[in-house]
Amino acid sequence: MTYDTWEELEVGIEGCKKCRLCETRNNIVFGVGNKNADLMFIGEGPGADEDRLRRTFCG
């Protein structure tokens, strides 16, 4: 599936079950910041703080 906007992507992944993270997560951690930035940081599976706050790199 392809998405034309960040908003469509975020809605599209809300119920994702393509990996085992869905077994223990409570939320999708999509990220924050400038969606038009030249650089993007992608981390591994979110930790408990990221899951709880739905915010990346806060744990």
C-alpha atoms as a PDB file:
ATOM      1  CA  MET A   1       0.000   0.000   0.000  1.00  0.00           C
ATOM      2  CA  THR A   2       1.187   3.515  -0.731  1.00  0.00           C
ATOM      3  CA  TYR A   3       0.342   6.759   0.999  1.00  0.00           C
ATOM      4  CA  ASP A   4       0.360  10.258  -0.453  1.00  0.00           C
ATOM      5  CA  THR A   5       0.644  12.172   2.824  1.00  0.00           C
ATOM      6  CA  TRP A   6       2.151  11.691   6.293  1.00  0.00           C
ATOM      7  CA  GLU A   7      -1.362  11.896   7.714  1.00  0.00           C
ATOM      8  CA  GLU A   8      -2.549   9.004   5.524  1.00  0.00           C
ATOM      9  CA  LEU A   9       0.467   6.951   6.606  1.00  0.00           C
ATOM     10  CA  GLU A  10      -0.186   7.622  10.278  1.00  0.00           C
ATOM     11  CA  VAL A  11      -3.840   6.567   9.973  1.00  0.00           C
ATOM     12  CA  GLY A  12      -2.857   3.567   7.854  1.00  0.00           C
ATOM     13  CA  ILE A  13      -0.444   2.129  10.428  1.00  0.00           C
ATOM     14  CA  GLU A  14      -2.701   2.591  13.456  1.00  0.00           C
ATOM     15  CA  GLY A  15      -3.836  -1.042  13.531  1.00  0.00           C
ATOM     16  CA  CYS A  16      -0.665  -2.556  12.047  1.00  0.00           C
ATOM     17  CA  LYS A  17       0.095  -6.148  13.004  1.00  0.00           C
ATOM     18  CA  LYS A  18       2.967  -6.853  10.574  1.00  0.00           C
ATOM     19  CA  CYS A  19       5.542  -7.479  13.317  1.00  0.00           C
ATOM     20  CA  ARG A  20       5.581  -8.755  16.881  1.00  0.00           C
ATOM     21  CA  LEU A  21       5.609  -5.246  18.396  1.00  0.00           C
ATOM     22  CA  CYS A  22       1.814  -5.316  18.103  1.00  0.00           C
ATOM     23  CA  GLU A  23       1.709  -8.042  20.777  1.00  0.00           C
ATOM     24  CA  THR A  24       2.955  -5.728  23.538  1.00  0.00           C
ATOM     25  CA  ARG A  25       2.439  -2.146  22.379  1.00  0.00           C
ATOM     26  CA  ASN A  26      -0.428   0.063  23.433  1.00  0.00           C
ATOM     27  CA  ASN A  27       0.147   2.805  20.854  1.00  0.00           C
ATOM     28  CA  ILE A  28       1.773   3.447  17.523  1.00  0.00           C
ATOM     29  CA  VAL A  29       4.750   5.766  17.969  1.00  0.00           C
ATOM     30  CA  PHE A  30       4.722   7.720  14.730  1.00  0.00           C
ATOM     31  CA  GLY A  31       7.075  10.558  15.497  1.00  0.00           C
ATOM     32  CA  VAL A  32       7.136  14.313  15.732  1.00  0.00           C
ATOM     33  CA  GLY A  33       8.891  17.159  13.998  1.00  0.00           C
ATOM     34  CA  ASN A  34       9.200  18.742  10.601  1.00  0.00           C
ATOM     35  CA  LYS A  35       7.780  16.306   8.070  1.00  0.00           C
ATOM     36  CA  ASN A  36       9.673  18.141   5.310  1.00  0.00           C
ATOM     37  CA  ALA A  37      13.093  17.850   6.967  1.00  0.00           C
ATOM     38  CA  ASP A  38      16.119  16.711   4.977  1.00  0.00           C
ATOM     39  CA  LEU A  39      17.092  14.225   7.690  1.00  0.00           C
ATOM     40  CA  MET A  40      15.008  11.607   9.525  1.00  0.00           C
ATOM     41  CA  PHE A  41      16.021   9.497  12.518  1.00  0.00           C
ATOM     42  CA  ILE A  42      14.500   6.031  12.632  1.00  0.00           C
ATOM     43  CA  GLY A  43      14.912   4.064  15.841  1.00  0.00           C
ATOM     44  CA  GLU A  44      14.292   0.456  16.682  1.00  0.00           C
ATOM     45  CA  GLY A  45      11.151  -0.656  18.517  1.00  0.00           C
ATOM     46  CA  PRO A  46       9.851   1.941  20.966  1.00  0.00           C
ATOM     47  CA  GLY A  47      10.358   1.453  24.680  1.00  0.00           C
ATOM     48  CA  ALA A  48       7.759   1.752  27.436  1.00  0.00           C
ATOM     49  CA  ASP A  49       8.062   5.550  27.730  1.00  0.00           C
ATOM     50  CA  GLU A  50       7.714   6.067  23.986  1.00  0.00           C
ATOM     51  CA  ASP A  51       4.717   3.737  23.880  1.00  0.00           C
ATOM     52  CA  ARG A  52       3.024   5.472  26.824  1.00  0.00           C
ATOM     53  CA  LEU A  53       3.669   9.019  25.576  1.00  0.00           C
ATOM     54  CA  ARG A  54       3.361   8.221  21.835  1.00  0.00           C
ATOM     55  CA  ARG A  55       6.579  10.229  21.360  1.00  0.00           C
ATOM     56  CA  THR A  56       9.896   9.094  19.913  1.00  0.00           C
ATOM     57  CA  PHE A  57      13.262   9.155  21.690  1.00  0.00           C
ATOM     58  CA  CYS A  58      11.923  10.239  25.086  1.00  0.00           C
ATOM     59  CA  GLY A  59      12.894   7.227  27.223  1.00  0.00           C
END
